[in-house]
């Protein structure tokens, strides 16, 4: 039998056109890649804009997007000439999957598709940022940029209100007769309801946003950021309980606070909580090293 030899195919690295194409891809400007990713996600931006504009969710996510843009601006002169290929590939695959799923599976939750798209954009950003920039806070900002407060309020609002009411009842029982039923408190015979704004969802969002922003500003490592992250939840819970206790105690004592005073108490507690989170994220030892 005669054996037929297959033609010898050159290795891709021995093909000048392939090599030139690879070099062009690897050295393309960061702003072009990021602009391409952002444009490809236009259905996500459209949905997010509609959800914020129609009043169905709070527009706090804009702050997270501004923080990510600010991070890129601050490091604009130190961007990597050659991006990290793993993160770059993750970004490209994620954006492609988001686009395909938006057209092929329109019944998927828009919030899930937006999450996939924004995580992909964060991966593209991290591919060009300097290595010393921690990745975890950037991932956190990408999640916080979503219009998710309404969903959090729907799924987690009531359990948080129950926990807040229970802890507040312990503090109020020092000076009042208190009974709790669900998220309602019976204080000295007066029924006071812990409503949705008192769940602490917005305070939690602002707390985690502060943690991510301060961690990036102080150049915390992923390890230092993640070790401090539980402090955020504790401070938010304590702050929300303190705010609720003060307001309920004032109402039970016959001091009917107006809307301005009510908001002032909330803003004061929020400021203290965010200050505590910023301090916890930014604290260092005497040698200048993060704890």
Protein backbone atom coordinates (compact mmCIF):
# COMPACT_ATOMS: atom_id res chain seq x y z
CA UNK A 1 0.00 0.00 0.00
CA UNK A 2 1.13 3.49 -0.74
CA UNK A 3 1.02 5.93 2.09
CA UNK A 4 -0.08 9.45 1.32
CA UNK A 5 1.71 12.11 3.27
CA UNK A 6 -0.35 14.98 4.50
CA UNK A 7 1.00 18.40 3.65
CA UNK A 8 3.08 19.92 6.41
CA UNK A 9 1.22 22.75 8.09
CA UNK A 10 3.40 25.46 9.59
CA UNK A 11 3.09 26.30 13.26
CA UNK A 12 0.99 29.43 13.82
CA UNK A 13 3.98 31.18 15.41
CA UNK A 14 5.89 30.60 12.16
CA UNK A 15 3.24 32.49 10.19
CA UNK A 16 4.19 36.20 9.96
CA UNK A 17 0.60 37.37 9.47
CA UNK A 18 -0.60 35.48 12.54
CA UNK A 19 2.24 36.86 14.63
CA UNK A 20 1.56 40.42 13.45
CA UNK A 21 -2.14 39.96 14.22
CA UNK A 22 -1.33 38.69 17.72
CA UNK A 23 0.99 41.62 18.36
CA UNK A 24 -1.66 44.07 17.17
CA UNK A 25 -4.26 42.52 19.48
CA UNK A 26 -1.87 42.46 22.43
CA UNK A 27 -0.76 46.08 22.05
CA UNK A 28 -4.06 47.76 21.22
CA UNK A 29 -4.80 50.83 23.36
CA UNK A 30 -6.71 50.21 26.57
CA UNK A 31 -9.36 52.81 25.83
CA UNK A 32 -10.21 51.06 22.55
CA UNK A 33 -10.76 47.71 24.26
CA UNK A 34 -12.81 49.23 27.06
CA UNK A 35 -14.84 51.34 24.63
CA UNK A 36 -15.56 48.24 22.57
CA UNK A 37 -16.73 46.36 25.65
CA UNK A 38 -18.90 49.28 26.78
CA UNK A 39 -20.53 49.67 23.35
CA UNK A 40 -21.22 45.93 23.14
CA UNK A 41 -23.14 46.19 26.42
CA UNK A 42 -25.53 48.88 25.15
CA UNK A 43 -28.67 46.76 25.84
CA UNK A 44 -27.54 46.51 29.48
CA UNK A 45 -27.05 50.28 29.74
CA UNK A 46 -30.46 50.84 28.15
CA UNK A 47 -32.19 48.54 30.65
CA UNK A 48 -30.34 50.05 33.61
CA UNK A 49 -31.21 53.58 32.47
CA UNK A 50 -34.89 52.70 32.09
CA UNK A 51 -35.03 51.06 35.52
CA UNK A 52 -33.48 54.11 37.17
CA UNK A 53 -35.51 56.65 35.19
CA UNK A 54 -38.94 55.11 35.80
CA UNK A 55 -38.49 55.25 39.58
CA UNK A 56 -38.50 51.49 40.10
CA UNK A 57 -35.02 51.62 41.66
CA UNK A 58 -32.65 54.09 43.27
CA UNK A 59 -29.91 55.52 41.02
CA UNK A 60 -27.13 54.86 43.53
CA UNK A 61 -25.42 52.55 41.04
CA UNK A 62 -24.24 55.65 39.17
CA UNK A 63 -21.87 56.35 42.08
CA UNK A 64 -20.22 52.95 41.61
CA UNK A 65 -19.82 53.53 37.86
CA UNK A 66 -18.30 56.95 38.56
CA UNK A 67 -15.90 55.34 41.05
CA UNK A 68 -14.77 52.80 38.44
CA UNK A 69 -14.29 55.58 35.86
CA UNK A 70 -12.34 57.60 38.42
CA UNK A 71 -10.10 54.60 39.12
CA UNK A 72 -9.34 54.32 35.41
CA UNK A 73 -8.62 58.06 35.20
CA UNK A 74 -6.28 58.00 38.20
CA UNK A 75 -4.22 55.15 36.72
CA UNK A 76 -4.44 56.34 33.10
CA UNK A 77 -0.67 56.86 32.89
CA UNK A 78 0.14 53.47 34.46
CA UNK A 79 -2.08 51.18 32.42
CA UNK A 80 -0.46 47.97 31.25
CA UNK A 81 0.86 48.03 27.69
CA UNK A 82 0.06 44.32 27.39
CA UNK A 83 -3.16 43.35 29.21
CA UNK A 84 -3.46 40.28 31.39
CA UNK A 85 -4.73 37.75 28.89
CA UNK A 86 -6.78 35.69 31.35
CA UNK A 87 -8.84 38.70 32.43
CA UNK A 88 -9.06 40.00 28.88
CA UNK A 89 -10.35 36.66 27.63
CA UNK A 90 -12.85 36.53 30.51
CA UNK A 91 -14.11 39.98 29.55
CA UNK A 92 -14.54 39.10 25.89
CA UNK A 93 -16.23 35.77 26.57
CA UNK A 94 -18.49 37.36 29.17
CA UNK A 95 -19.63 40.16 26.87
CA UNK A 96 -20.26 37.72 24.01
CA UNK A 97 -22.27 35.41 26.30
CA UNK A 98 -24.27 38.35 27.61
CA UNK A 99 -25.12 39.51 24.09
CA UNK A 100 -26.04 36.01 22.89
CA UNK A 101 -28.22 35.27 25.92
CA UNK A 102 -30.03 38.59 25.59
CA UNK A 103 -31.13 37.61 22.09
CA UNK A 104 -31.54 33.83 22.42
CA UNK A 105 -33.01 33.60 25.92
CA UNK A 106 -35.02 36.81 26.43
CA UNK A 107 -36.85 35.26 29.41
CA UNK A 108 -33.72 35.30 31.57
CA UNK A 109 -33.85 37.94 34.33
CA UNK A 110 -32.47 41.24 33.11
CA UNK A 111 -30.66 41.72 36.42
CA UNK A 112 -28.75 38.45 35.93
CA UNK A 113 -27.71 39.43 32.40
CA UNK A 114 -26.67 42.88 33.59
CA UNK A 115 -24.60 41.28 36.35
CA UNK A 116 -22.79 39.12 33.80
CA UNK A 117 -22.14 42.12 31.57
CA UNK A 118 -20.82 44.40 34.32
CA UNK A 119 -18.58 41.68 35.73
CA UNK A 120 -17.18 41.27 32.22
CA UNK A 121 -16.55 45.00 32.00
CA UNK A 122 -14.77 44.88 35.37
CA UNK A 123 -12.59 42.03 34.07
CA UNK A 124 -11.68 44.15 31.04
CA UNK A 125 -10.79 47.07 33.29
CA UNK A 126 -8.66 44.90 35.58
CA UNK A 127 -6.83 43.47 32.57
CA UNK A 128 -5.22 46.89 32.02
CA UNK A 129 -4.95 48.24 35.57
CA UNK A 130 -1.59 47.91 37.38
CA UNK A 131 -1.03 44.71 39.34
CA UNK A 132 -1.02 46.52 42.70
CA UNK A 133 -4.67 47.49 42.27
CA UNK A 134 -6.74 44.96 44.24
CA UNK A 135 -9.30 43.08 42.18
CA UNK A 136 -11.89 42.37 44.89
CA UNK A 137 -13.01 46.01 45.41
CA UNK A 138 -13.36 46.46 41.64
CA UNK A 139 -15.56 43.36 41.42
CA UNK A 140 -17.53 44.81 44.32
CA UNK A 141 -18.08 48.13 42.56
CA UNK A 142 -19.25 46.34 39.42
CA UNK A 143 -21.94 44.55 41.46
CA UNK A 144 -22.93 47.74 43.29
CA UNK A 145 -23.36 49.55 39.97
CA UNK A 146 -26.41 47.41 39.24
CA UNK A 147 -29.91 48.75 39.99
CA UNK A 148 -30.47 46.11 42.66
CA UNK A 149 -31.80 48.01 45.68
CA UNK A 150 -35.43 47.28 44.81
CA UNK A 151 -34.66 43.56 44.45
CA UNK A 152 -32.75 43.54 47.74
CA UNK A 153 -35.63 45.30 49.44
CA UNK A 154 -38.08 42.74 48.06
CA UNK A 155 -36.10 39.63 49.03
CA UNK A 156 -34.11 40.74 52.07
CA UNK A 157 -36.02 43.77 53.33
CA UNK A 158 -38.48 41.97 55.61
CA UNK A 159 -35.91 39.67 57.30
CA UNK A 160 -33.70 42.69 57.95
CA UNK A 161 -36.64 44.59 59.41
CA UNK A 162 -37.41 41.68 61.73
CA UNK A 163 -33.80 41.50 62.93
CA UNK A 164 -33.73 45.28 63.43
CA UNK A 165 -37.01 45.22 65.35
CA UNK A 166 -35.81 42.38 67.59
CA UNK A 167 -32.50 44.03 68.47
CA UNK A 168 -34.20 47.39 68.98
CA UNK A 169 -36.69 45.79 71.35
CA UNK A 170 -33.82 44.62 73.56
CA UNK A 171 -32.54 48.18 73.87
CA UNK A 172 -35.97 49.74 74.28
CA UNK A 173 -36.93 47.28 77.02
CA UNK A 174 -34.53 49.09 79.37
CA UNK A 175 -36.98 52.01 79.65
CA UNK A 176 -40.16 50.75 78.01
CA UNK A 177 -42.50 47.79 77.90
CA UNK A 178 -41.89 46.27 74.49
CA UNK A 179 -43.41 43.40 72.54
CA UNK A 180 -42.42 42.44 69.02
CA UNK A 181 -44.64 40.87 66.39
CA UNK A 182 -42.94 40.39 63.04
CA UNK A 183 -41.48 43.77 62.12
CA UNK A 184 -43.86 45.66 64.41
CA UNK A 185 -43.17 46.85 67.96
CA UNK A 186 -45.73 47.45 70.68
CA UNK A 187 -44.02 50.04 72.88
CA UNK A 188 -45.97 51.02 76.04
CA UNK A 189 -49.16 50.04 74.25
CA UNK A 190 -48.32 52.07 71.12
CA UNK A 191 -47.96 50.17 67.84
CA UNK A 192 -44.91 51.24 65.83
CA UNK A 193 -44.08 49.57 62.52
CA UNK A 194 -40.51 49.18 61.30
CA UNK A 195 -41.18 50.01 57.65
CA UNK A 196 -39.16 49.37 54.48
CA UNK A 197 -36.89 52.45 54.71
CA UNK A 198 -35.78 51.20 58.15
CA UNK A 199 -34.59 47.86 56.79
CA UNK A 200 -31.09 49.24 56.27
CA UNK A 201 -30.75 48.19 52.62
CA UNK A 202 -29.63 51.63 51.48
CA UNK A 203 -27.26 51.95 54.43
CA UNK A 204 -25.77 48.57 53.54
CA UNK A 205 -25.24 49.67 49.92
CA UNK A 206 -23.51 52.88 50.99
CA UNK A 207 -21.45 50.97 53.56
CA UNK A 208 -20.10 48.49 51.04
CA UNK A 209 -19.55 51.26 48.51
CA UNK A 210 -17.48 53.14 51.10
CA UNK A 211 -15.50 49.98 51.81
CA UNK A 212 -14.67 49.41 48.13
CA UNK A 213 -13.83 53.05 47.45
CA UNK A 214 -11.59 53.45 50.52
CA UNK A 215 -9.84 50.12 49.86
CA UNK A 216 -8.93 51.28 46.35
CA UNK A 217 -7.93 54.76 47.51
CA UNK A 218 -5.64 53.35 50.20
CA UNK A 219 -4.35 50.57 47.91
CA UNK A 220 -5.42 47.71 50.16
CA UNK A 221 -4.61 44.20 49.02
CA UNK A 222 -7.33 41.66 48.34
CA UNK A 223 -6.50 39.90 51.60
CA UNK A 224 -6.68 43.07 53.68
CA UNK A 225 -9.94 44.10 52.02
CA UNK A 226 -11.64 40.74 52.49
CA UNK A 227 -10.51 40.44 56.11
CA UNK A 228 -12.09 43.82 56.89
CA UNK A 229 -15.29 43.17 54.93
CA UNK A 230 -17.22 41.52 57.82
CA UNK A 231 -16.77 44.74 59.79
CA UNK A 232 -18.96 46.48 57.21
CA UNK A 233 -21.93 44.21 57.89
CA UNK A 234 -21.54 44.57 61.67
CA UNK A 235 -21.33 48.38 61.55
CA UNK A 236 -24.30 48.64 59.19
CA UNK A 237 -26.43 46.41 61.43
CA UNK A 238 -25.45 48.30 64.59
CA UNK A 239 -26.06 51.65 62.91
CA UNK A 240 -29.46 50.62 61.61
CA UNK A 241 -30.50 49.31 65.03
CA UNK A 242 -29.29 52.50 66.71
CA UNK A 243 -31.20 54.68 64.25
CA UNK A 244 -34.37 52.65 64.63
CA UNK A 245 -34.09 52.62 68.44
CA UNK A 246 -33.70 56.41 68.64
CA UNK A 247 -36.65 57.06 66.35
CA UNK A 248 -38.93 54.53 68.03
CA UNK A 249 -37.99 55.77 71.50
CA UNK A 250 -38.75 59.34 70.49
CA UNK A 251 -42.14 58.37 69.07
CA UNK A 252 -43.01 56.23 72.09
CA UNK A 253 -42.13 59.12 74.41
CA UNK A 254 -44.50 61.47 72.61
CA UNK A 255 -41.77 63.34 70.73
CA UNK A 256 -43.19 63.27 67.22
CA UNK A 257 -40.19 64.10 65.08
CA UNK A 258 -40.89 65.88 61.83
CA UNK A 259 -39.58 64.70 58.50
CA UNK A 260 -36.53 66.98 58.70
CA UNK A 261 -35.54 65.71 62.14
CA UNK A 262 -36.22 62.12 61.08
CA UNK A 263 -33.93 62.51 58.07
CA UNK A 264 -31.30 64.30 60.17
CA UNK A 265 -31.09 61.36 62.58
CA UNK A 266 -30.76 58.95 59.67
CA UNK A 267 -28.04 61.00 57.97
CA UNK A 268 -26.10 61.41 61.23
CA UNK A 269 -26.09 57.66 61.86
CA UNK A 270 -25.21 56.97 58.22
CA UNK A 271 -22.28 59.37 58.47
CA UNK A 272 -20.98 57.65 61.60
CA UNK A 273 -21.32 54.21 60.00
CA UNK A 274 -19.49 55.25 56.82
CA UNK A 275 -16.79 56.95 58.90
CA UNK A 276 -16.31 53.76 60.92
CA UNK A 277 -16.07 51.70 57.75
CA UNK A 278 -13.59 54.14 56.19
CA UNK A 279 -11.49 54.04 59.36
CA UNK A 280 -11.54 50.24 59.47
CA UNK A 281 -10.53 50.00 55.80
CA UNK A 282 -7.84 52.65 56.05
CA UNK A 283 -6.25 51.81 59.42
CA UNK A 284 -2.56 50.94 59.34
CA UNK A 285 0.05 49.97 61.88
CA UNK A 286 2.77 52.36 63.10
CA UNK A 287 5.08 50.97 60.47
CA UNK A 288 2.66 52.05 57.77
CA UNK A 289 1.54 48.52 56.93
CA UNK A 290 -2.18 47.63 56.81
CA UNK A 291 -3.50 45.59 59.71
